[in-house]
Protein backbone atom coordinates (compact mmCIF):
# COMPACT_ATOMS: atom_id res chain seq x y z
CA MET A 1 159.26 162.29 -62.16
CA SER A 2 160.94 159.87 -59.79
CA ALA A 3 159.25 156.64 -58.82
CA PRO A 4 157.66 156.55 -55.37
CA GLU A 5 159.86 155.17 -52.65
CA ARG A 6 159.10 151.56 -51.89
CA ILE A 7 158.57 150.78 -48.26
CA PRO A 8 159.82 147.28 -47.47
CA PRO A 9 157.23 144.99 -45.94
CA ARG A 10 157.26 144.85 -42.16
CA SER A 11 158.76 141.71 -40.74
CA VAL A 12 156.18 139.65 -38.88
CA THR A 13 157.33 138.58 -35.42
CA THR A 14 156.93 135.00 -34.29
CA ALA A 15 154.52 136.13 -31.58
CA GLU A 16 152.34 137.93 -34.15
CA LEU A 17 152.42 134.89 -36.40
CA LEU A 18 151.31 132.57 -33.62
CA ALA A 19 148.65 134.95 -32.31
CA GLN A 20 147.10 136.09 -35.59
CA GLY A 21 147.85 133.38 -38.14
CA GLU A 22 145.50 130.76 -39.52
CA LEU A 23 145.78 127.75 -37.25
CA LYS A 24 145.31 124.28 -38.77
CA VAL A 25 145.38 121.09 -36.74
CA ARG A 26 147.68 118.45 -38.25
CA GLY A 27 147.61 115.81 -35.52
CA ARG A 28 147.52 115.04 -31.83
CA ILE A 29 150.39 114.24 -29.47
CA ARG A 30 148.78 111.35 -27.60
CA GLU A 31 151.49 110.81 -24.97
CA ALA A 32 150.49 114.06 -23.24
CA SER A 33 148.18 114.04 -20.21
CA ASN A 34 146.17 116.99 -21.57
CA ALA A 35 145.03 117.71 -25.12
CA VAL A 36 148.10 118.72 -27.16
CA LEU A 37 147.59 119.37 -30.88
CA TYR A 38 150.33 119.62 -33.49
CA CYS A 39 149.41 122.48 -35.83
CA SER A 40 150.61 124.70 -38.61
CA VAL A 41 150.04 128.44 -38.56
CA SER A 42 150.23 130.82 -41.54
CA TYR A 43 150.27 134.61 -41.61
CA GLU A 44 151.38 137.12 -44.24
CA GLY A 45 153.41 134.62 -46.21
CA ARG A 46 155.14 133.03 -43.24
CA ASP A 47 154.45 129.51 -42.00
CA VAL A 48 155.61 127.60 -38.91
CA PHE A 49 154.58 124.57 -36.92
CA CYS A 50 153.33 124.94 -33.38
CA VAL A 51 151.69 123.24 -30.43
CA TYR A 52 148.15 124.24 -29.50
CA LYS A 53 146.77 123.28 -26.08
CA PRO A 54 143.10 124.26 -25.78
CA VAL A 55 141.83 125.12 -22.32
CA ALA A 56 138.89 122.78 -23.00
CA GLY A 57 141.34 119.87 -23.13
CA GLU A 58 142.90 120.49 -19.71
CA ARG A 59 142.31 117.81 -17.08
CA PRO A 60 141.29 119.15 -13.65
CA LEU A 61 144.02 119.18 -10.98
CA TRP A 62 143.43 119.25 -7.24
CA ASP A 63 146.04 121.95 -6.56
CA PHE A 64 145.56 124.30 -9.54
CA PRO A 65 142.38 126.18 -10.51
CA ASP A 66 140.56 124.65 -13.48
CA GLY A 67 141.18 126.19 -16.88
CA THR A 68 144.38 128.08 -15.96
CA LEU A 69 147.20 125.94 -17.38
CA ALA A 70 147.37 127.74 -20.73
CA GLN A 71 147.75 131.11 -19.02
CA ARG A 72 150.55 129.70 -16.86
CA GLU A 73 152.41 128.50 -19.94
CA VAL A 74 152.28 132.03 -21.36
CA ALA A 75 153.35 133.51 -18.02
CA ALA A 76 156.39 131.20 -17.97
CA TYR A 77 157.34 132.44 -21.43
CA GLU A 78 157.00 136.06 -20.32
CA VAL A 79 159.32 135.50 -17.37
CA SER A 80 161.77 133.61 -19.57
CA GLU A 81 161.88 136.55 -21.97
CA ALA A 82 162.43 138.96 -19.09
CA THR A 83 165.53 136.98 -18.06
CA GLY A 84 167.06 137.48 -21.51
CA TRP A 85 167.94 133.78 -21.62
CA GLY A 86 165.16 132.79 -24.06
CA LEU A 87 164.62 129.39 -22.46
CA VAL A 88 160.96 128.95 -23.45
CA PRO A 89 159.76 128.88 -27.07
CA THR A 90 157.54 131.79 -28.13
CA THR A 91 154.15 131.24 -26.49
CA VAL A 92 150.87 133.13 -26.86
CA LEU A 93 147.27 132.86 -25.74
CA ARG A 94 144.79 132.80 -28.62
CA ASP A 95 141.53 131.45 -29.95
CA GLY A 96 141.69 128.27 -32.01
CA PRO A 97 139.59 125.48 -33.51
CA TYR A 98 138.71 124.20 -30.02
CA GLY A 99 138.50 127.51 -28.24
CA GLU A 100 141.03 129.57 -26.34
CA GLY A 101 144.34 127.92 -25.65
CA MET A 102 148.09 128.16 -25.52
CA CYS A 103 149.95 128.27 -28.84
CA GLN A 104 153.72 127.65 -28.74
CA LEU A 105 156.33 127.56 -31.46
CA TRP A 106 157.32 123.99 -32.30
CA VAL A 107 160.97 123.30 -31.52
CA GLU A 108 162.63 120.37 -33.25
CA ALA A 109 165.02 118.69 -30.85
CA SER A 110 168.34 117.60 -32.32
CA PRO A 111 168.22 113.87 -33.19
CA GLU A 112 171.91 113.64 -32.22
CA ASP A 113 171.21 115.04 -28.75
CA ASP A 114 167.68 114.21 -27.62
CA GLY A 115 168.48 114.92 -23.99
CA ALA A 116 170.59 111.80 -23.43
CA GLY A 117 173.65 114.00 -23.06
CA LEU A 118 171.98 115.95 -20.27
CA LEU A 119 170.68 113.17 -18.00
CA ALA A 120 172.03 109.74 -17.12
CA LEU A 121 171.83 106.81 -14.71
CA VAL A 122 175.22 105.60 -13.49
CA ASP A 123 176.35 102.71 -11.28
CA ASP A 124 178.44 104.91 -9.00
CA GLU A 125 178.13 106.52 -5.60
CA GLU A 126 179.32 109.92 -6.83
CA PRO A 127 178.91 111.75 -10.15
CA ALA A 128 181.84 111.92 -12.56
CA GLU A 129 183.48 115.21 -13.44
CA GLY A 130 181.12 117.39 -15.45
CA TRP A 131 178.01 115.87 -13.85
CA LYS A 132 175.79 116.71 -10.88
CA ALA A 133 173.98 114.23 -8.64
CA ILE A 134 170.19 114.32 -8.42
CA GLY A 135 169.59 111.25 -6.26
CA PHE A 136 169.37 107.48 -6.27
CA ALA A 137 166.66 105.72 -8.26
CA GLU A 138 165.40 102.13 -8.20
CA VAL A 139 166.14 100.43 -11.52
CA GLY A 140 164.60 97.02 -10.83
CA GLU A 141 165.51 93.76 -9.10
CA GLY A 142 166.46 95.62 -5.94
CA ARG A 143 169.15 97.63 -7.73
CA THR A 144 169.64 101.37 -7.48
CA ALA A 145 171.55 103.77 -9.71
CA LEU A 146 172.61 107.36 -9.33
CA LEU A 147 170.57 109.78 -11.41
CA VAL A 148 172.75 112.65 -12.66
CA HIS A 149 172.46 115.67 -14.91
CA ALA A 150 175.14 117.53 -16.82
CA ASP A 151 176.92 120.47 -15.19
CA ASP A 152 175.71 122.57 -18.10
CA THR A 153 175.26 126.37 -18.13
CA ARG A 154 172.00 126.03 -20.05
CA LEU A 155 170.57 123.64 -17.46
CA ARG A 156 171.72 125.88 -14.64
CA ARG A 157 169.87 128.82 -16.13
CA LEU A 158 166.79 126.66 -16.46
CA ALA A 159 167.10 125.63 -12.81
CA VAL A 160 166.99 129.32 -11.86
CA LEU A 161 163.96 129.94 -14.07
CA ASP A 162 162.17 126.92 -12.61
CA ALA A 163 162.79 128.18 -9.08
CA VAL A 164 161.34 131.58 -9.99
CA ILE A 165 158.21 130.21 -11.66
CA ASN A 166 157.82 127.39 -9.09
CA ASN A 167 157.79 124.64 -11.71
CA ALA A 168 156.08 121.55 -10.31
CA ASP A 169 157.04 119.26 -13.18
CA ARG A 170 160.53 119.64 -14.70
CA LYS A 171 161.06 116.25 -16.33
CA GLY A 172 163.73 115.07 -18.71
CA GLY A 173 161.23 114.92 -21.57
CA HIS A 174 160.63 118.65 -21.14
CA LEU A 175 164.21 119.49 -22.21
CA LEU A 176 164.70 120.22 -25.91
CA PRO A 177 168.32 120.70 -27.04
CA THR A 178 168.63 121.91 -30.62
CA GLY A 179 171.24 121.41 -33.30
CA GLU A 180 172.24 125.07 -32.90
CA GLY A 181 173.28 124.51 -29.28
CA ARG A 182 170.18 126.06 -27.74
CA LEU A 183 168.21 124.42 -24.94
CA TYR A 184 164.51 125.01 -24.47
CA GLY A 185 162.19 123.98 -21.67
CA ILE A 186 158.55 123.17 -22.43
CA ASP A 187 155.37 122.14 -20.57
CA HIS A 188 154.94 124.87 -17.99
CA GLY A 189 151.26 124.44 -17.16
CA VAL A 190 151.84 123.61 -13.49
CA THR A 191 153.77 126.70 -12.48
CA PHE A 192 153.29 129.85 -10.35
CA ASN A 193 151.41 128.14 -7.54
CA ALA A 194 151.43 130.35 -4.45
CA ASP A 195 152.55 127.31 -2.39
CA ASN A 196 156.00 125.78 -2.77
CA LYS A 197 155.61 123.11 -5.48
CA LEU A 198 159.12 122.96 -7.00
CA ARG A 199 159.69 119.47 -8.41
CA THR A 200 162.60 119.09 -10.79
CA LEU A 201 165.44 116.92 -11.99
CA LEU A 202 167.77 119.92 -11.81
CA TRP A 203 168.74 119.74 -8.12
CA GLY A 204 172.47 119.37 -8.79
CA TRP A 205 173.22 122.96 -7.75
CA ALA A 206 170.93 122.95 -4.67
CA GLY A 207 172.51 125.03 -1.92
CA GLU A 208 175.36 126.23 -4.14
CA PRO A 209 176.05 129.95 -4.69
CA LEU A 210 174.25 131.54 -7.61
CA THR A 211 176.43 132.64 -10.51
CA PRO A 212 176.98 136.40 -10.92
CA GLU A 213 174.94 136.14 -14.11
CA ALA A 214 172.00 134.63 -12.21
CA VAL A 215 172.19 137.36 -9.55
CA ASP A 216 172.03 140.02 -12.28
CA VAL A 217 169.05 138.30 -13.90
CA LEU A 218 167.21 137.94 -10.59
CA THR A 219 167.82 141.62 -9.88
CA THR A 220 166.31 142.46 -13.26
CA LEU A 221 163.31 140.25 -12.50
CA ARG A 222 162.85 141.93 -9.11
CA ASP A 223 162.63 145.29 -10.87
CA GLY A 224 160.28 143.89 -13.52
CA LEU A 225 157.99 142.42 -10.88
CA ALA A 226 157.61 145.69 -8.99
CA SER A 227 154.06 147.03 -8.88
CA GLY A 228 153.28 148.81 -12.15
CA ALA A 229 156.36 147.48 -13.96
CA ARG A 230 155.93 145.90 -17.39
CA LEU A 231 156.42 142.27 -16.35
CA ALA A 232 154.14 142.58 -13.32
CA THR A 233 151.46 144.22 -15.45
CA ARG A 234 151.67 141.45 -18.04
CA LEU A 235 151.57 138.67 -15.44
CA ALA A 236 148.48 140.27 -13.87
CA GLU A 237 146.65 139.36 -17.09
CA LEU A 238 147.59 135.69 -16.68
CA ILE A 239 147.90 134.69 -13.00
CA THR A 240 146.51 135.85 -9.67
CA THR A 241 147.76 138.63 -7.41
CA ALA A 242 148.70 136.06 -4.76
CA GLU A 243 150.73 134.13 -7.32
CA ILE A 244 152.56 137.27 -8.45
CA ASP A 245 153.32 138.14 -4.82
CA ALA A 246 154.69 134.62 -4.28
CA THR A 247 156.88 134.99 -7.39
CA ARG A 248 158.29 138.22 -5.96
CA GLU A 249 158.99 136.44 -2.67
CA ARG A 250 160.85 133.60 -4.42
CA VAL A 251 163.05 136.08 -6.30
CA GLU A 252 163.75 138.03 -3.11
CA ALA A 253 164.56 134.83 -1.21
CA MET A 254 167.12 133.74 -3.79
CA LEU A 255 168.74 137.16 -3.86
CA ALA A 256 168.85 137.24 -0.05
CA SER A 257 170.41 133.78 0.25
CA GLY A 258 172.62 134.10 -2.83
CA LYS A 259 172.10 130.37 -3.41
CA HIS A 260 170.09 127.93 -5.47
CA PRO A 261 167.09 126.72 -3.45
CA GLU A 262 167.07 123.30 -1.79
CA PRO A 263 164.17 120.84 -1.53
CA SER A 264 161.77 121.95 1.18
CA GLY A 265 160.79 118.49 2.36
CA GLU A 266 157.14 119.55 2.20
CA TRP A 267 156.61 118.23 -1.34
CA PRO A 268 158.15 115.40 -3.42
CA ALA A 269 161.30 117.00 -4.85
CA ILE A 270 161.59 114.90 -8.01
CA PRO A 271 158.75 114.44 -10.52
CA TRP A 272 157.62 110.91 -11.29
CA PRO A 273 158.10 109.48 -13.81
CA PRO A 274 161.26 111.57 -14.31
CA VAL A 275 161.09 111.52 -18.13
C-alpha cells in the first residue's frame, strides 16, 4: 500500500501574517507625531517585524476626521498595489494590544543609502544633470540653497502615486531605499482628502508630460476605481464616498492633461520640516 500523498504546507502571505499573527510590542518610535510602536508578529512559523499605529494614539487634526488615519494608510497601500509598482510596504488594519490600528511590514532602509542620494541642498541656481529642482530653502544667516531631488524612476512613480492619493505630507524621512534597489514610501495617514492637499518634495516633474508607463498605470487605476470594481469596493471599506470620487477626479485630471500636476497655490506645496 502506497503512502498517502503529502500536501505541502500553504505559504502564508505577508498580509495574512500581519493580520492574523501574534503581535508583540518591542518599543516605541518616539520621533513620530502619533503613537508608532515597533513590534514583532508571528504566525504559523513565520516571524517579521512591523509598525503598529493604534487609532487610539492618533492626534486630532483640523482637516481630517478623527480616528481615520490608520484606514488611510491601508487605502494608500491598496492603491499602491493596484499600480503594480509596490511602493508601499504591506499594510493591514487589525486589532492589537491597544485596539484597532494600522500594521505595516517593517522595511530596513539601506545604511549606505538612507535617502541622502535622493535629496540634496546645493549652492547653485539650477540643478545639476540627473537632479530636479524643488525650490529654494533658507539655510541660516540669510543664506538660501536650492533643494533638489534625484531624477529617479522610483521617485517619479512615487510622485504619481502621491498625486493620486493626495498625499499631504511627502517628506524626505518618508523615503526608504533598500539594499536591493527598491524604494518604499511610508506614513500615509494624511491622504485621500476630498480637497486638494498635495504637499510633497517631489515637484521636480511638475508640469512635465507623464511617462507612457504612468499613463498605463493611471488607466488601470481608472478602471479599478469604477463603481463596483475591486479597488473601488475595497476603498469603500476605508474612506468616504466623497474621497473616492475625488480620487477618481484626480486620476481623470492627470489622464486628461497628460502631465504631472503643479502646485495649486491654494495650499503650501512643500511640507515643513521637509525631512
